[in-house]
Amino acid sequence: MFSRKALPFVLVASCFALAFAACSGTKKDSTIKVETGLAGRVDDLKITQDQMLRMYEELPVNQKKGFKGRDGQAKFVDKLIEQHLLYKAAIDDKLDRTDEMQERLRWATMNIVVAEYFSKNIADEIKVEPKEIEDYYAAHTAEFVQKPVMRAQYIFTTDSLKAVKLRRQLMKGEIFTTLATKESEDQSTAPAGGDLGYFNPGGYINGVGYSDVFSKAVEKLEVGKISEIIRFEKGFAIVRVAEKNPEKVNTLDEARSTIEATLNAKKTEEAYLAVVEKLKKKYPVENYVRERLDKTTRTPEELWEMVQIEPDPRNRIQYYRDLVNLYPNHKNAPEALFMIGFTYAEDLMDYEQARRTFDELDKKYPQSAMTESAKWMRENMEIAHPKMESMETMQQRMEADKTRKVEKGT
């Protein structure tokens, strides 16, 4: 709403606000001594030891390092004095009396008070019991399975004869990293000596993409061994595996802090929404922008376009829901309903809502091809995996799974 210029101080904004809120405007007392509990003073503005220490605790850890020890405290008070000097000058210039500043102060005050209300009436009331953590772990075991992880490097070429020549060089003792840097045609990995980073067998591999052929060939390799020439969808590769870590299931103790954070966040959101709904009954509210918006019926094409450029997952869900509710027979309605579930799963990790949505899809559009995708999501969404950014990515993984199952069956 308003332009802001960064203050050239070490102190963060919250401390800055706290300093002015906490400092009393009593008249100057020439008899004040150091031992009276004051940390400093600028004219009639006093900075007490308690205020100074409280503001110090508000600093980020990296800023606290600059104010260690007694000398550091003195430097910190110097910074507070500098702020108070400018504050006094701003007040003398009546900068706090402009309409814009009054509005900014109102919003700043509201944010501080709201944060305090949220802390005392919502966040501080949230408790996660050990039994809840244990029950969650038992019900979501798949979330704590760490798939096998590998790390490898490769040399890539689209020329089979070049691949043969490069492998001969490696077998004669050429350093893999050096040769990959010079000769690999994959410019995304060559500068790092062909390093593919860490990946799960069957998953996405940097530089390679999704390739069952490549993945299966690499999975069979021993650590440190140089592969035969691997022919896959993009061309030819020579691979050396650096690390292989087997599948692992995190224990309850290992997963405890993660589960507690998940449950705490979920409970906090539920409590927040409940408080908001309660307050809406106490204080009348009107959203005139939404009222005007609701009076304008968008076409399904407009809703679809809005989804593509909307960054907030909850807003995307609402647009998809509007399309399904307003135009249930539109060609995009089944996909829109699927994307609601997909967004719940991938963006919000709300698997319960995702399952409900996929069940709704099966019921409303049983003949749609999207039911197959919904079935796959139900089976796989809670298994640890790299986040799928789009339905296209999900379909690639689904097709790769199909191919893998067919091959295993044969």
Protein backbone atom coordinates (compact mmCIF):
# COMPACT_ATOMS: atom_id res chain seq x y z
CA MET A 1 0.00 0.00 0.00
CA PHE A 2 2.80 2.34 0.86
CA SER A 3 6.34 2.59 -0.38
CA ARG A 4 8.95 1.66 2.20
CA LYS A 5 12.60 2.62 2.32
CA ALA A 6 14.93 0.34 4.23
CA LEU A 7 16.44 1.85 7.35
CA PRO A 8 20.24 1.64 7.38
CA PHE A 9 20.35 -0.06 10.77
CA VAL A 10 21.26 -3.45 12.09
CA LEU A 11 18.05 -3.76 14.09
CA VAL A 12 15.05 -5.46 12.63
CA ALA A 13 11.73 -3.70 12.19
CA SER A 14 10.02 -5.48 15.07
CA CYS A 15 12.66 -4.22 17.49
CA PHE A 16 12.36 -0.75 16.01
CA ALA A 17 8.63 -0.70 16.69
CA LEU A 18 9.09 -2.13 20.14
CA ALA A 19 11.63 0.52 21.04
CA PHE A 20 9.20 3.35 20.37
CA ALA A 21 6.29 1.60 21.98
CA ALA A 22 8.25 0.83 25.12
CA CYS A 23 10.15 4.06 25.70
CA SER A 24 8.35 6.44 28.01
CA GLY A 25 8.18 10.13 27.23
CA THR A 26 8.85 11.43 30.69
CA LYS A 27 10.65 14.70 31.16
CA LYS A 28 14.41 14.76 31.38
CA ASP A 29 15.76 14.00 34.86
CA SER A 30 19.30 15.31 35.28
CA THR A 31 19.81 13.24 38.45
CA ILE A 32 19.53 9.85 36.69
CA LYS A 33 22.59 7.65 37.25
CA VAL A 34 23.79 4.52 35.47
CA GLU A 35 22.75 2.26 38.35
CA THR A 36 19.07 3.27 38.15
CA GLY A 37 18.33 0.57 35.54
CA LEU A 38 18.62 2.76 32.47
CA ALA A 39 20.56 1.59 29.44
CA GLY A 40 20.50 4.98 27.75
CA ARG A 41 18.56 8.14 27.05
CA VAL A 42 17.94 10.58 24.23
CA ASP A 43 16.55 13.81 25.60
CA ASP A 44 13.29 12.81 27.31
CA LEU A 45 13.19 9.28 25.86
CA LYS A 46 14.49 6.63 28.25
CA ILE A 47 15.78 3.18 27.27
CA THR A 48 15.72 0.83 30.24
CA GLN A 49 17.93 -2.21 30.73
CA ASP A 50 14.86 -4.46 30.50
CA GLN A 51 13.78 -2.87 27.22
CA MET A 52 17.28 -3.17 25.82
CA LEU A 53 17.52 -6.86 26.75
CA ARG A 54 14.05 -7.58 25.42
CA MET A 55 14.87 -5.97 22.08
CA TYR A 56 18.17 -7.84 21.93
CA GLU A 57 16.31 -11.15 22.32
CA GLU A 58 14.12 -10.17 19.34
CA LEU A 59 17.17 -10.02 17.05
CA PRO A 60 17.87 -12.82 14.55
CA VAL A 61 20.68 -15.14 15.66
CA ASN A 62 23.12 -13.84 13.04
CA GLN A 63 22.65 -10.25 14.28
CA LYS A 64 23.07 -11.19 17.94
CA LYS A 65 26.63 -12.29 17.20
CA GLY A 66 27.65 -8.68 16.70
CA PHE A 67 26.53 -7.66 20.18
CA LYS A 68 28.12 -10.26 22.45
CA GLY A 69 29.53 -9.35 25.89
CA ARG A 70 29.48 -6.02 27.73
CA ASP A 71 31.15 -4.18 24.85
CA GLY A 72 28.57 -5.68 22.49
CA GLN A 73 25.74 -4.46 24.73
CA ALA A 74 27.19 -0.96 24.65
CA LYS A 75 27.30 -1.09 20.85
CA PHE A 76 23.70 -2.31 20.81
CA VAL A 77 22.62 0.65 22.96
CA ASP A 78 24.49 2.93 20.52
CA LYS A 79 22.29 1.57 17.75
CA LEU A 80 19.16 2.17 19.83
CA ILE A 81 20.31 5.72 20.53
CA GLU A 82 20.84 6.31 16.80
CA GLN A 83 17.28 5.19 16.13
CA HIS A 84 15.91 7.36 18.91
CA LEU A 85 17.80 10.38 17.59
CA LEU A 86 16.17 9.99 14.19
CA TYR A 87 12.84 9.31 15.84
CA LYS A 88 13.09 12.57 17.80
CA ALA A 89 13.98 14.45 14.62
CA ALA A 90 11.04 12.87 12.77
CA ILE A 91 8.64 13.86 15.55
CA ASP A 92 10.00 17.43 15.57
CA ASP A 93 9.33 17.53 11.81
CA LYS A 94 5.78 16.29 12.49
CA LEU A 95 6.26 13.36 10.11
CA ASP A 96 4.04 11.21 12.31
CA ARG A 97 1.06 13.50 11.68
CA THR A 98 0.65 13.03 7.92
CA ASP A 99 -2.36 11.00 6.74
CA GLU A 100 -0.11 8.44 5.09
CA MET A 101 1.98 7.94 8.22
CA GLN A 102 -1.09 7.68 10.41
CA GLU A 103 -2.42 4.94 8.15
CA ARG A 104 0.91 3.11 8.20
CA LEU A 105 1.04 3.35 11.98
CA ARG A 106 -2.49 1.98 12.19
CA TRP A 107 -1.54 -1.06 10.10
CA ALA A 108 1.71 -1.56 12.02
CA THR A 109 -0.15 -1.43 15.33
CA MET A 110 -2.80 -3.81 14.04
CA ASN A 111 -0.18 -6.34 12.90
CA ILE A 112 1.56 -6.28 16.28
CA VAL A 113 -1.71 -6.65 18.23
CA VAL A 114 -3.01 -9.37 15.90
CA ALA A 115 0.23 -11.33 16.29
CA GLU A 116 -0.15 -11.14 20.06
CA TYR A 117 -3.81 -12.22 19.90
CA PHE A 118 -2.93 -15.12 17.58
CA SER A 119 -0.15 -16.23 19.92
CA LYS A 120 -2.22 -16.10 23.11
CA ASN A 121 -5.60 -17.29 21.83
CA ILE A 122 -4.61 -19.78 19.14
CA ALA A 123 -0.96 -20.86 18.90
CA ASP A 124 -0.31 -21.13 22.64
CA GLU A 125 -3.44 -23.27 23.06
CA ILE A 126 -2.29 -25.92 20.59
CA LYS A 127 -0.97 -29.10 22.16
CA VAL A 128 0.15 -32.27 20.40
CA GLU A 129 0.05 -35.30 22.66
CA PRO A 130 2.55 -38.19 22.37
CA LYS A 131 -0.34 -40.57 21.64
CA GLU A 132 -1.38 -38.46 18.66
CA ILE A 133 2.14 -38.65 17.25
CA GLU A 134 2.21 -42.41 17.73
CA ASP A 135 -1.22 -42.84 16.09
CA TYR A 136 -0.19 -40.68 13.12
CA TYR A 137 2.99 -42.69 12.64
CA ALA A 138 1.06 -45.96 12.70
CA ALA A 139 -1.52 -44.68 10.20
CA HIS A 140 0.94 -43.06 7.78
CA THR A 141 3.86 -45.46 7.71
CA ALA A 142 4.36 -44.91 3.98
CA GLU A 143 5.27 -41.28 4.61
CA PHE A 144 8.36 -42.35 6.54
CA VAL A 145 9.76 -44.76 4.00
CA GLN A 146 12.92 -43.41 2.45
CA LYS A 147 13.28 -44.93 -0.98
CA PRO A 148 16.63 -46.33 -2.10
CA VAL A 149 18.90 -43.43 -2.99
CA MET A 150 21.78 -43.45 -5.44
CA ARG A 151 24.34 -40.96 -6.62
CA ALA A 152 26.13 -41.37 -9.92
CA GLN A 153 27.93 -39.51 -12.68
CA TYR A 154 27.69 -40.12 -16.39
CA ILE A 155 29.08 -39.25 -19.78
CA PHE A 156 26.38 -38.71 -22.39
CA THR A 157 26.55 -38.70 -26.17
CA THR A 158 24.18 -39.22 -29.08
CA ASP A 159 26.97 -40.92 -31.06
CA SER A 160 27.37 -44.66 -30.40
CA LEU A 161 30.89 -44.78 -31.86
CA LYS A 162 31.96 -41.88 -29.64
CA ALA A 163 30.53 -43.75 -26.67
CA VAL A 164 32.65 -46.80 -27.51
CA LYS A 165 35.77 -44.61 -27.82
CA LEU A 166 35.10 -42.85 -24.49
CA ARG A 167 34.58 -46.11 -22.63
CA ARG A 168 37.89 -47.43 -23.96
CA GLN A 169 39.59 -44.32 -22.62
CA LEU A 170 38.03 -44.90 -19.21
CA MET A 171 39.09 -48.54 -19.14
CA LYS A 172 42.66 -47.42 -19.88
CA GLY A 173 42.64 -45.27 -16.76
CA GLU A 174 41.29 -41.91 -17.93
CA ILE A 175 39.77 -40.00 -14.98
CA PHE A 176 35.97 -40.21 -15.23
CA THR A 177 35.29 -36.69 -13.93
CA THR A 178 37.82 -35.10 -16.29
CA LEU A 179 36.51 -36.97 -19.33
CA ALA A 180 32.89 -36.17 -18.46
CA THR A 181 33.69 -32.48 -18.15
CA LYS A 182 35.45 -32.44 -21.55
CA GLU A 183 33.36 -34.85 -23.61
CA SER A 184 29.83 -35.25 -22.20
CA GLU A 185 27.18 -33.69 -24.44
CA ASP A 186 24.83 -33.05 -21.52
CA GLN A 187 25.67 -29.43 -20.80
CA SER A 188 23.60 -29.41 -17.60
CA THR A 189 25.87 -31.97 -15.90
CA ALA A 190 29.19 -31.81 -17.78
CA PRO A 191 30.57 -28.79 -15.83
CA ALA A 192 30.20 -30.85 -12.63
CA GLY A 193 31.99 -33.87 -14.07
CA GLY A 194 28.74 -35.53 -15.13
CA ASP A 195 27.34 -35.55 -11.58
CA LEU A 196 23.70 -36.63 -11.64
CA GLY A 197 23.20 -35.87 -7.96
CA TYR A 198 21.04 -38.06 -5.72
CA PHE A 199 18.04 -39.87 -7.20
CA ASN A 200 15.62 -42.70 -6.50
CA PRO A 201 15.65 -45.66 -8.86
CA GLY A 202 12.67 -45.23 -11.17
CA GLY A 203 12.38 -41.54 -10.29
CA TYR A 204 13.44 -38.33 -11.96
CA ILE A 205 17.17 -38.04 -12.67
CA ASN A 206 18.86 -34.71 -13.31
CA GLY A 207 19.91 -34.48 -16.99
CA VAL A 208 18.23 -37.79 -17.84
CA GLY A 209 14.62 -37.20 -16.84
CA TYR A 210 12.36 -40.23 -16.34
CA SER A 211 13.83 -43.34 -17.94
CA ASP A 212 13.18 -46.88 -16.73
CA VAL A 213 15.82 -48.22 -19.11
CA PHE A 214 18.53 -45.96 -17.72
CA SER A 215 17.39 -46.36 -14.12
CA LYS A 216 17.32 -50.17 -14.20
CA ALA A 217 20.75 -50.38 -15.79
CA VAL A 218 22.27 -48.06 -13.18
CA GLU A 219 20.52 -49.84 -10.30
CA LYS A 220 22.42 -53.05 -11.15
CA LEU A 221 25.84 -51.39 -10.99
CA GLU A 222 28.25 -51.82 -8.11
CA VAL A 223 29.67 -48.71 -6.45
CA GLY A 224 32.80 -47.49 -8.25
CA LYS A 225 32.37 -49.73 -11.29
CA ILE A 226 32.15 -48.31 -14.80
CA SER A 227 29.09 -49.45 -16.71
CA GLU A 228 28.82 -50.89 -20.17
CA ILE A 229 27.40 -48.45 -22.70
CA ILE A 230 23.76 -47.84 -21.75
CA ARG A 231 21.42 -47.09 -24.63
CA PHE A 232 18.28 -45.21 -23.53
CA GLU A 233 15.71 -42.83 -24.97
CA LYS A 234 18.01 -39.82 -25.38
CA GLY A 235 21.18 -41.53 -26.56
CA PHE A 236 24.13 -43.37 -25.03
CA ALA A 237 25.65 -43.16 -21.57
CA ILE A 238 28.54 -44.47 -19.54
CA VAL A 239 27.87 -44.42 -15.81
CA ARG A 240 29.78 -44.77 -12.58
CA VAL A 241 27.85 -45.10 -9.29
CA ALA A 242 29.30 -43.15 -6.36
CA GLU A 243 26.80 -44.12 -3.62
CA LYS A 244 23.99 -46.61 -3.07
CA ASN A 245 21.78 -46.35 0.01
CA PRO A 246 19.07 -48.99 0.51
CA GLU A 247 15.45 -48.29 1.37
CA LYS A 248 15.02 -47.19 4.97
CA VAL A 249 12.02 -46.64 7.23
CA ASN A 250 12.44 -43.82 9.72
CA THR A 251 11.74 -44.90 13.28
CA LEU A 252 9.10 -43.20 15.38
CA ASP A 253 11.80 -41.29 17.25
CA GLU A 254 13.36 -40.11 13.98
CA ALA A 255 9.98 -39.00 12.66
CA ARG A 256 8.63 -37.56 15.90
CA SER A 257 9.60 -33.91 15.37
CA THR A 258 8.29 -33.95 11.77
CA ILE A 259 4.98 -35.48 12.84
CA GLU A 260 4.63 -33.02 15.71
CA ALA A 261 5.19 -30.08 13.33
CA THR A 262 2.65 -31.51 10.86
CA LEU A 263 -0.02 -32.03 13.53
CA ASN A 264 0.72 -28.67 15.12
CA ALA A 265 0.29 -26.88 11.79
CA LYS A 266 -2.95 -28.73 11.06
CA LYS A 267 -4.38 -28.03 14.52
CA THR A 268 -3.31 -24.40 14.33
CA GLU A 269 -5.03 -23.90 10.99
CA GLU A 270 -8.20 -25.58 12.22
CA ALA A 271 -8.20 -23.48 15.39
CA TYR A 272 -7.55 -20.31 13.41
CA LEU A 273 -10.46 -20.97 11.03
CA ALA A 274 -12.74 -21.78 13.98
CA VAL A 275 -11.80 -18.50 15.71
CA VAL A 276 -12.38 -16.54 12.50
CA GLU A 277 -15.83 -18.08 12.04
CA LYS A 278 -16.69 -17.31 15.66
CA LEU A 279 -15.56 -13.71 15.29
CA LYS A 280 -17.59 -13.28 12.10
CA LYS A 281 -20.69 -13.99 14.19
CA LYS A 282 -19.63 -11.41 16.74
CA TYR A 283 -18.57 -8.65 14.34
CA PRO A 284 -20.54 -8.05 11.12
CA VAL A 285 -18.34 -8.24 8.01
CA GLU A 286 -18.82 -7.32 4.36
CA ASN A 287 -16.51 -8.20 1.46
CA TYR A 288 -17.69 -5.79 -1.22
CA VAL A 289 -15.03 -6.93 -3.66
CA ARG A 290 -16.26 -10.53 -3.43
CA GLU A 291 -19.87 -9.41 -3.75
CA ARG A 292 -19.05 -7.62 -6.99
CA LEU A 293 -17.06 -10.63 -8.12
CA ASP A 294 -19.88 -13.06 -7.38
CA LYS A 295 -22.27 -11.02 -9.49
CA THR A 296 -20.02 -11.57 -12.49
CA THR A 297 -20.36 -15.12 -13.81
CA ARG A 298 -17.18 -16.26 -15.49
CA THR A 299 -17.11 -18.64 -18.41
CA PRO A 300 -15.46 -22.05 -17.88
CA GLU A 301 -12.64 -20.94 -20.19
CA GLU A 302 -12.03 -17.85 -18.05
CA LEU A 303 -11.95 -19.94 -14.88
CA TRP A 304 -9.52 -22.36 -16.49
CA GLU A 305 -7.22 -19.53 -17.56
CA MET A 306 -7.34 -17.97 -14.10
CA VAL A 307 -6.17 -21.24 -12.56
CA GLN A 308 -3.09 -21.35 -14.78
CA ILE A 309 -1.76 -18.02 -13.47
CA GLU A 310 -2.89 -18.30 -9.82
CA PRO A 311 0.04 -19.02 -7.44
CA ASP A 312 -2.04 -19.68 -4.29
CA PRO A 313 -3.15 -23.35 -4.14
CA ARG A 314 -6.29 -22.56 -2.15
CA ASN A 315 -7.41 -20.02 -4.74
CA ARG A 316 -6.72 -22.56 -7.49
CA ILE A 317 -8.93 -25.05 -5.66
CA GLN A 318 -11.71 -22.46 -5.49
CA TYR A 319 -11.51 -21.71 -9.25
CA TYR A 320 -11.56 -25.43 -10.06
CA ARG A 321 -14.52 -25.87 -7.69
CA ASP A 322 -16.39 -22.98 -9.36
CA LEU A 323 -15.90 -24.62 -12.74
CA VAL A 324 -17.19 -27.98 -11.49
CA ASN A 325 -20.18 -26.47 -9.67
CA LEU A 326 -21.20 -23.97 -12.35
CA TYR A 327 -20.43 -26.10 -15.40
CA PRO A 328 -20.65 -29.77 -14.32
CA ASN A 329 -21.08 -30.96 -17.92
CA HIS A 330 -18.17 -29.00 -19.39
CA LYS A 331 -15.37 -31.08 -20.97
CA ASN A 332 -12.87 -29.76 -18.41
CA ALA A 333 -15.03 -30.48 -15.34
CA PRO A 334 -13.61 -33.99 -14.62
CA GLU A 335 -10.05 -32.72 -14.96
CA ALA A 336 -10.87 -29.71 -12.76
CA LEU A 337 -12.21 -32.03 -10.05
CA PHE A 338 -9.11 -34.22 -10.32
CA MET A 339 -6.88 -31.15 -10.01
CA ILE A 340 -8.63 -30.20 -6.76
CA GLY A 341 -7.55 -33.53 -5.28
CA PHE A 342 -4.10 -33.25 -6.87
CA THR A 343 -3.61 -29.79 -5.35
CA TYR A 344 -4.70 -30.99 -1.91
CA ALA A 345 -2.18 -33.83 -2.14
CA GLU A 346 0.85 -32.16 -3.72
CA ASP A 347 0.60 -28.56 -2.52
CA LEU A 348 -1.22 -28.82 0.81
CA MET A 349 -0.40 -32.44 1.73
CA ASP A 350 -3.97 -32.81 2.93
CA TYR A 351 -4.40 -36.44 1.93
CA GLU A 352 -7.78 -36.83 3.58
CA GLN A 353 -9.30 -34.03 1.49
CA ALA A 354 -7.54 -35.39 -1.58
CA ARG A 355 -9.12 -38.83 -1.09
CA ARG A 356 -12.57 -37.31 -0.62
CA THR A 357 -12.16 -35.36 -3.84
CA PHE A 358 -11.00 -38.41 -5.81
CA ASP A 359 -13.98 -40.35 -4.44
CA GLU A 360 -16.24 -37.51 -5.60
CA LEU A 361 -14.65 -37.73 -9.05
CA ASP A 362 -15.39 -41.47 -9.27
CA LYS A 363 -18.99 -40.84 -8.30
CA LYS A 364 -19.68 -37.85 -10.56
CA TYR A 365 -17.67 -38.87 -13.60
CA PRO A 366 -17.27 -42.68 -13.50
CA GLN A 367 -16.64 -42.88 -17.27
CA SER A 368 -13.93 -40.22 -17.30
CA ALA A 369 -10.34 -41.17 -18.04
CA MET A 370 -9.41 -39.09 -14.97
CA THR A 371 -10.64 -41.89 -12.68
CA GLU A 372 -7.52 -43.90 -13.58
CA SER A 373 -5.32 -40.97 -12.56
CA ALA A 374 -7.32 -40.60 -9.33
CA LYS A 375 -6.78 -44.30 -8.56
CA TRP A 376 -3.03 -43.93 -9.08
CA MET A 377 -2.92 -40.86 -6.84
CA ARG A 378 -4.74 -42.70 -4.05
CA GLU A 379 -2.15 -45.48 -4.18
CA ASN A 380 0.94 -43.29 -4.45
CA MET A 381 0.37 -39.80 -3.05
CA GLU A 382 1.47 -40.65 0.50
CA ILE A 383 4.65 -42.39 -0.64
CA ALA A 384 7.67 -40.09 -0.31
CA HIS A 385 8.52 -38.59 -3.71
CA PRO A 386 9.76 -35.37 -5.34
CA LYS A 387 6.91 -32.90 -5.59
CA MET A 388 4.95 -33.20 -8.83
CA GLU A 389 4.44 -29.69 -10.19
CA SER A 390 1.80 -30.59 -12.78
CA MET A 391 -0.58 -33.27 -13.96
CA GLU A 392 1.81 -33.94 -16.86
CA THR A 393 4.54 -34.92 -14.37
CA MET A 394 2.09 -37.18 -12.55
CA GLN A 395 1.06 -38.87 -15.81
CA GLN A 396 4.70 -39.49 -16.71
CA ARG A 397 5.24 -41.21 -13.37
CA MET A 398 2.01 -43.17 -13.78
CA GLU A 399 3.04 -44.41 -17.24
CA ALA A 400 6.50 -45.32 -15.95
CA ASP A 401 4.88 -47.35 -13.16
CA LYS A 402 2.66 -49.14 -15.69
CA THR A 403 5.65 -50.06 -17.85
CA ARG A 404 7.56 -51.31 -14.83
CA LYS A 405 4.65 -53.50 -13.70
CA VAL A 406 4.19 -54.96 -17.17
CA GLU A 407 7.87 -55.82 -17.41
CA LYS A 408 7.85 -57.44 -13.97
CA GLY A 409 4.80 -59.46 -15.00
CA THR A 410 6.62 -60.81 -18.01
